[in-house]
PDB file of N, CA and C in Angstrom:
ATOM      1  N   MET A   1      92.663  92.880  88.395  1.00  0.00           N
ATOM      2  CA  MET A   1      92.110  93.997  89.130  1.00  0.00           C
ATOM      3  C   MET A   1      93.253  94.752  89.812  1.00  0.00           C
ATOM      4  N   VAL A   2      93.247  96.077  89.663  1.00  0.00           N
ATOM      5  CA  VAL A   2      94.257  96.925  90.289  1.00  0.00           C
ATOM      6  C   VAL A   2      93.694  97.464  91.594  1.00  0.00           C
ATOM      7  N   LEU A   3      94.407  97.230  92.671  1.00  0.00           N
ATOM      8  CA  LEU A   3      93.996  97.761  93.969  1.00  0.00           C
ATOM      9  C   LEU A   3      94.738  99.051  94.237  1.00  0.00           C
ATOM     10  N   ARG A   4      94.012 100.057  94.706  1.00  0.00           N
ATOM     11  CA  ARG A   4      94.607 101.325  95.108  1.00  0.00           C
ATOM     12  C   ARG A   4      94.109 101.643  96.512  1.00  0.00           C
ATOM     13  N   VAL A   5      95.036 102.077  97.358  1.00  0.00           N
ATOM     14  CA  VAL A   5      94.709 102.367  98.747  1.00  0.00           C
ATOM     15  C   VAL A   5      95.239 103.737  99.126  1.00  0.00           C
ATOM     16  N   ALA A   6      94.457 104.491  99.880  1.00  0.00           N
ATOM     17  CA  ALA A   6      94.898 105.760 100.448  1.00  0.00           C
ATOM     18  C   ALA A   6      95.028 105.566 101.958  1.00  0.00           C
ATOM     19  N   VAL A   7      96.180 105.879 102.483  1.00  0.00           N
ATOM     20  CA  VAL A   7      96.412 105.829 103.927  1.00  0.00           C
ATOM     21  C   VAL A   7      96.499 107.276 104.392  1.00  0.00           C
ATOM     22  N   VAL A   8      95.652 107.649 105.333  1.00  0.00           N
ATOM     23  CA  VAL A   8      95.616 109.021 105.832  1.00  0.00           C
ATOM     24  C   VAL A   8      96.328 109.065 107.177  1.00  0.00           C
ATOM     25  N   GLY A   9      97.406 109.831 107.225  1.00  0.00           N
ATOM     26  CA  GLY A   9      98.193 109.960 108.447  1.00  0.00           C
ATOM     27  C   GLY A   9      99.478 109.167 108.336  1.00  0.00           C
ATOM     28  N   SER A  10     100.609 109.850 108.445  1.00  0.00           N
ATOM     29  CA  SER A  10     101.891 109.171 108.267  1.00  0.00           C
ATOM     30  C   SER A  10     102.628 108.953 109.582  1.00  0.00           C
ATOM     31  N   GLY A  11     101.867 108.788 110.652  1.00  0.00           N
ATOM     32  CA  GLY A  11     102.486 108.427 111.929  1.00  0.00           C
ATOM     33  C   GLY A  11     102.983 106.995 111.865  1.00  0.00           C
ATOM     34  N   PRO A  12     103.387 106.443 112.992  1.00  0.00           N
ATOM     35  CA  PRO A  12     103.925 105.085 112.985  1.00  0.00           C
ATOM     36  C   PRO A  12     102.959 104.054 112.382  1.00  0.00           C
ATOM     37  N   ALA A  13     101.689 104.121 112.741  1.00  0.00           N
ATOM     38  CA  ALA A  13     100.730 103.132 112.228  1.00  0.00           C
ATOM     39  C   ALA A  13     100.472 103.324 110.740  1.00  0.00           C
ATOM     40  N   GLY A  14     100.236 104.556 110.317  1.00  0.00           N
ATOM     41  CA  GLY A  14      99.972 104.823 108.909  1.00  0.00           C
ATOM     42  C   GLY A  14     101.157 104.499 108.029  1.00  0.00           C
ATOM     43  N   SER A  15     102.345 104.880 108.466  1.00  0.00           N
ATOM     44  CA  SER A  15     103.550 104.596 107.688  1.00  0.00           C
ATOM     45  C   SER A  15     103.792 103.098 107.568  1.00  0.00           C
ATOM     46  N   SER A  16     103.594 102.392 108.662  1.00  0.00           N
ATOM     47  CA  SER A  16     103.774 100.935 108.636  1.00  0.00           C
ATOM     48  C   SER A  16     102.767 100.274 107.717  1.00  0.00           C
ATOM     49  N   ALA A  17     101.518 100.717 107.803  1.00  0.00           N
ATOM     50  CA  ALA A  17     100.474 100.157 106.942  1.00  0.00           C
ATOM     51  C   ALA A  17     100.789 100.424 105.474  1.00  0.00           C
ATOM     52  N   ALA A  18     101.195 101.641 105.160  1.00  0.00           N
ATOM     53  CA  ALA A  18     101.521 101.991 103.777  1.00  0.00           C
ATOM     54  C   ALA A  18     102.692 101.163 103.261  1.00  0.00           C
ATOM     55  N   GLU A  19     103.683 100.942 104.098  1.00  0.00           N
ATOM     56  CA  GLU A  19     104.836 100.153 103.678  1.00  0.00           C
ATOM     57  C   GLU A  19     104.439  98.713 103.361  1.00  0.00           C
ATOM     58  N   VAL A  20     103.639  98.120 104.241  1.00  0.00           N
ATOM     59  CA  VAL A  20     103.204  96.730 104.031  1.00  0.00           C
ATOM     60  C   VAL A  20     102.381  96.617 102.751  1.00  0.00           C
ATOM     61  N   LEU A  21     101.473  97.554 102.552  1.00  0.00           N
ATOM     62  CA  LEU A  21     100.629  97.529 101.353  1.00  0.00           C
ATOM     63  C   LEU A  21     101.466  97.691 100.082  1.00  0.00           C
ATOM     64  N   ALA A  22     102.399  98.636 100.099  1.00  0.00           N
ATOM     65  CA  ALA A  22     103.240  98.874  98.923  1.00  0.00           C
ATOM     66  C   ALA A  22     104.114  97.657  98.615  1.00  0.00           C
ATOM     67  N   LYS A  23     104.672  97.049  99.650  1.00  0.00           N
ATOM     68  CA  LYS A  23     105.500  95.859  99.444  1.00  0.00           C
ATOM     69  C   LYS A  23     104.682  94.686  98.913  1.00  0.00           C
ATOM     70  N   ALA A  24     103.371  94.692  99.182  1.00  0.00           N
ATOM     71  CA  ALA A  24     102.488  93.643  98.679  1.00  0.00           C
ATOM     72  C   ALA A  24     102.061  93.909  97.238  1.00  0.00           C
ATOM     73  N   GLY A  25     102.555  94.995  96.659  1.00  0.00           N
ATOM     74  CA  GLY A  25     102.251  95.300  95.274  1.00  0.00           C
ATOM     75  C   GLY A  25     100.981  96.107  95.074  1.00  0.00           C
ATOM     76  N   ILE A  26     100.443  96.658  96.141  1.00  0.00           N
ATOM     77  CA  ILE A  26      99.233  97.463  96.060  1.00  0.00           C
ATOM     78  C   ILE A  26      99.621  98.920  95.859  1.00  0.00           C
ATOM     79  N   GLU A  27      98.991  99.567  94.896  1.00  0.00           N
ATOM     80  CA  GLU A  27      99.256 100.982  94.641  1.00  0.00           C
ATOM     81  C   GLU A  27      98.814 101.775  95.873  1.00  0.00           C
ATOM     82  N   THR A  28      99.761 102.399  96.555  1.00  0.00           N
ATOM     83  CA  THR A  28      99.498 103.007  97.859  1.00  0.00           C
ATOM     84  C   THR A  28      99.851 104.488  97.859  1.00  0.00           C
ATOM     85  N   TYR A  29      98.948 105.288  98.403  1.00  0.00           N
ATOM     86  CA  TYR A  29      99.153 106.729  98.551  1.00  0.00           C
ATOM     87  C   TYR A  29      99.091 107.057 100.028  1.00  0.00           C
ATOM     88  N   LEU A  30     100.104 107.745 100.524  1.00  0.00           N
ATOM     89  CA  LEU A  30     100.192 108.117 101.932  1.00  0.00           C
ATOM     90  C   LEU A  30     100.003 109.624 102.037  1.00  0.00           C
ATOM     91  N   PHE A  31      98.996 110.038 102.790  1.00  0.00           N
ATOM     92  CA  PHE A  31      98.678 111.458 102.936  1.00  0.00           C
ATOM     93  C   PHE A  31      98.967 111.928 104.354  1.00  0.00           C
ATOM     94  N   GLU A  32      99.633 113.074 104.449  1.00  0.00           N
ATOM     95  CA  GLU A  32      99.903 113.707 105.739  1.00  0.00           C
ATOM     96  C   GLU A  32      99.622 115.190 105.575  1.00  0.00           C
ATOM     97  N   ARG A  33      98.820 115.744 106.450  1.00  0.00           N
ATOM     98  CA  ARG A  33      98.437 117.159 106.285  1.00  0.00           C
ATOM     99  C   ARG A  33      99.494 118.131 106.776  1.00  0.00           C
ATOM    100  N   LYS A  34     100.335 117.718 107.704  1.00  0.00           N
ATOM    101  CA  LYS A  34     101.289 118.653 108.284  1.00  0.00           C
ATOM    102  C   LYS A  34     102.702 118.079 108.169  1.00  0.00           C
ATOM    103  N   LEU A  35     103.451 118.559 107.183  1.00  0.00           N
ATOM    104  CA  LEU A  35     104.782 118.009 106.935  1.00  0.00           C
ATOM    105  C   LEU A  35     105.897 118.784 107.621  1.00  0.00           C
ATOM    106  N   ASP A  36     105.592 119.922 108.236  1.00  0.00           N
ATOM    107  CA  ASP A  36     106.653 120.729 108.834  1.00  0.00           C
ATOM    108  C   ASP A  36     107.245 120.114 110.093  1.00  0.00           C
ATOM    109  N   ASN A  37     106.592 119.134 110.669  1.00  0.00           N
ATOM    110  CA  ASN A  37     107.152 118.481 111.858  1.00  0.00           C
ATOM    111  C   ASN A  37     107.228 116.980 111.674  1.00  0.00           C
ATOM    112  N   ALA A  38     107.450 116.536 110.435  1.00  0.00           N
ATOM    113  CA  ALA A  38     107.495 115.108 110.141  1.00  0.00           C
ATOM    114  C   ALA A  38     108.683 114.463 110.850  1.00  0.00           C
ATOM    115  N   LYS A  39     108.390 113.575 111.757  1.00  0.00           N
ATOM    116  CA  LYS A  39     109.419 112.827 112.465  1.00  0.00           C
ATOM    117  C   LYS A  39     108.771 111.598 113.084  1.00  0.00           C
ATOM    118  N   PRO A  40     109.475 110.488 113.149  1.00  0.00           N
ATOM    119  CA  PRO A  40     108.871 109.274 113.691  1.00  0.00           C
ATOM    120  C   PRO A  40     108.712 109.350 115.206  1.00  0.00           C
ATOM    121  N   CYS A  41     107.566 109.064 115.694  1.00  0.00           N
ATOM    122  CA  CYS A  41     107.309 108.894 117.129  1.00  0.00           C
ATOM    123  C   CYS A  41     107.872 110.026 117.987  1.00  0.00           C
ATOM    124  N   GLY A  42     107.603 111.245 117.624  1.00  0.00           N
ATOM    125  CA  GLY A  42     108.083 112.367 118.418  1.00  0.00           C
ATOM    126  C   GLY A  42     109.573 112.599 118.303  1.00  0.00           C
ATOM    127  N   GLY A  43     110.189 112.077 117.280  1.00  0.00           N
ATOM    128  CA  GLY A  43     111.610 112.304 117.059  1.00  0.00           C
ATOM    129  C   GLY A  43     112.504 111.172 117.520  1.00  0.00           C
ATOM    130  N   ALA A  44     111.929 110.151 118.122  1.00  0.00           N
ATOM    131  CA  ALA A  44     112.759 109.049 118.600  1.00  0.00           C
ATOM    132  C   ALA A  44     112.025 107.730 118.423  1.00  0.00           C
ATOM    133  N   ILE A  45     112.798 106.689 118.254  1.00  0.00           N
ATOM    134  CA  ILE A  45     112.235 105.336 118.238  1.00  0.00           C
ATOM    135  C   ILE A  45     113.094 104.481 119.152  1.00  0.00           C
ATOM    136  N   PRO A  46     112.521 103.461 119.765  1.00  0.00           N
ATOM    137  CA  PRO A  46     113.322 102.584 120.624  1.00  0.00           C
ATOM    138  C   PRO A  46     114.417 101.886 119.812  1.00  0.00           C
ATOM    139  N   LEU A  47     115.569 101.658 120.435  1.00  0.00           N
ATOM    140  CA  LEU A  47     116.676 101.004 119.739  1.00  0.00           C
ATOM    141  C   LEU A  47     116.276  99.662 119.152  1.00  0.00           C
ATOM    142  N   CYS A  48     115.390  98.947 119.837  1.00  0.00           N
ATOM    143  CA  CYS A  48     114.980  97.633 119.342  1.00  0.00           C
ATOM    144  C   CYS A  48     114.172  97.734 118.044  1.00  0.00           C
ATOM    145  N   MET A  49     113.692  98.938 117.704  1.00  0.00           N
ATOM    146  CA  MET A  49     112.888  99.113 116.497  1.00  0.00           C
ATOM    147  C   MET A  49     113.689  99.625 115.304  1.00  0.00           C
ATOM    148  N   VAL A  50     114.947  99.979 115.500  1.00  0.00           N
ATOM    149  CA  VAL A  50     115.747 100.534 114.406  1.00  0.00           C
ATOM    150  C   VAL A  50     115.762  99.563 113.226  1.00  0.00           C
ATOM    151  N   SER A  51     115.950  98.289 113.484  1.00  0.00           N
ATOM    152  CA  SER A  51     115.991  97.312 112.390  1.00  0.00           C
ATOM    153  C   SER A  51     114.621  97.158 111.729  1.00  0.00           C
ATOM    154  N   GLU A  52     113.545  97.352 112.480  1.00  0.00           N
ATOM    155  CA  GLU A  52     112.193  97.256 111.917  1.00  0.00           C
ATOM    156  C   GLU A  52     111.929  98.350 110.886  1.00  0.00           C
ATOM    157  N   PHE A  53     112.509  99.525 111.077  1.00  0.00           N
ATOM    158  CA  PHE A  53     112.319 100.641 110.163  1.00  0.00           C
ATOM    159  C   PHE A  53     113.312 100.607 109.003  1.00  0.00           C
ATOM    160  N   ASP A  54     114.246  99.645 109.020  1.00  0.00           N
ATOM    161  CA  ASP A  54     115.229  99.485 107.957  1.00  0.00           C
ATOM    162  C   ASP A  54     115.990 100.794 107.710  1.00  0.00           C
ATOM    163  N   LEU A  55     116.425 101.422 108.809  1.00  0.00           N
ATOM    164  CA  LEU A  55     117.135 102.699 108.728  1.00  0.00           C
ATOM    165  C   LEU A  55     118.616 102.468 108.473  1.00  0.00           C
ATOM    166  N   PRO A  56     119.201 103.212 107.546  1.00  0.00           N
ATOM    167  CA  PRO A  56     120.645 103.093 107.368  1.00  0.00           C
ATOM    168  C   PRO A  56     121.361 103.703 108.572  1.00  0.00           C
ATOM    169  N   PRO A  57     122.416 103.064 109.052  1.00  0.00           N
ATOM    170  CA  PRO A  57     123.109 103.544 110.267  1.00  0.00           C
ATOM    171  C   PRO A  57     123.587 104.984 110.179  1.00  0.00           C
ATOM    172  N   GLU A  58     123.922 105.471 108.990  1.00  0.00           N
ATOM    173  CA  GLU A  58     124.478 106.821 108.876  1.00  0.00           C
ATOM    174  C   GLU A  58     123.465 107.927 109.156  1.00  0.00           C
ATOM    175  N   ILE A  59     122.172 107.628 109.201  1.00  0.00           N
ATOM    176  CA  ILE A  59     121.206 108.685 109.501  1.00  0.00           C
ATOM    177  C   ILE A  59     120.833 108.749 110.981  1.00  0.00           C
ATOM    178  N   ILE A  60     121.334 107.815 111.769  1.00  0.00           N
ATOM    179  CA  ILE A  60     121.042 107.824 113.207  1.00  0.00           C
ATOM    180  C   ILE A  60     121.898 108.893 113.870  1.00  0.00           C
ATOM    181  N   ASP A  61     121.210 109.837 114.504  1.00  0.00           N
ATOM    182  CA  ASP A  61     121.884 110.978 115.121  1.00  0.00           C
ATOM    183  C   ASP A  61     122.519 110.601 116.453  1.00  0.00           C
ATOM    184  N   ARG A  62     121.741 109.953 117.332  1.00  0.00           N
ATOM    185  CA  ARG A  62     122.215 109.570 118.661  1.00  0.00           C
ATOM    186  C   ARG A  62     121.515 108.301 119.108  1.00  0.00           C
ATOM    187  N   GLN A  63     122.147 107.574 119.993  1.00  0.00           N
ATOM    188  CA  GLN A  63     121.513 106.421 120.608  1.00  0.00           C
ATOM    189  C   GLN A  63     121.503 106.643 122.108  1.00  0.00           C
ATOM    190  N   VAL A  64     120.320 106.704 122.657  1.00  0.00           N
ATOM    191  CA  VAL A  64     120.158 106.887 124.099  1.00  0.00           C
ATOM    192  C   VAL A  64     119.924 105.502 124.711  1.00  0.00           C
ATOM    193  N   ARG A  65     120.743 105.125 125.636  1.00  0.00           N
ATOM    194  CA  ARG A  65     120.621 103.805 126.238  1.00  0.00           C
ATOM    195  C   ARG A  65     119.980 103.829 127.626  1.00  0.00           C
ATOM    196  N   GLN A  66     119.947 105.019 128.241  1.00  0.00           N
ATOM    197  CA  GLN A  66     119.360 105.116 129.564  1.00  0.00           C
ATOM    198  C   GLN A  66     118.877 106.542 129.790  1.00  0.00           C
ATOM    199  N   MET A  67     117.711 106.669 130.441  1.00  0.00           N
ATOM    200  CA  MET A  67     117.162 107.989 130.777  1.00  0.00           C
ATOM    201  C   MET A  67     116.704 107.967 132.222  1.00  0.00           C
ATOM    202  N   LYS A  68     116.716 109.129 132.867  1.00  0.00           N
ATOM    203  CA  LYS A  68     116.214 109.251 134.236  1.00  0.00           C
ATOM    204  C   LYS A  68     115.061 110.221 134.241  1.00  0.00           C
TER     205      LYS A  68
END
């Protein structure tokens, strides 16, 4: 049996769900209606999550360690 899944919304939850499903071998389609502002979590993710997203270091623009 072939499983196919549609994930609607490519925010943090949708993207994570789609990744897990695809890695499990399930045919996965990720739909996002508005691609002109595609960015994770408002343009930033916590430093502790960089490894979770498996981001290559060369695409990291800046690292903010403290904010006021």
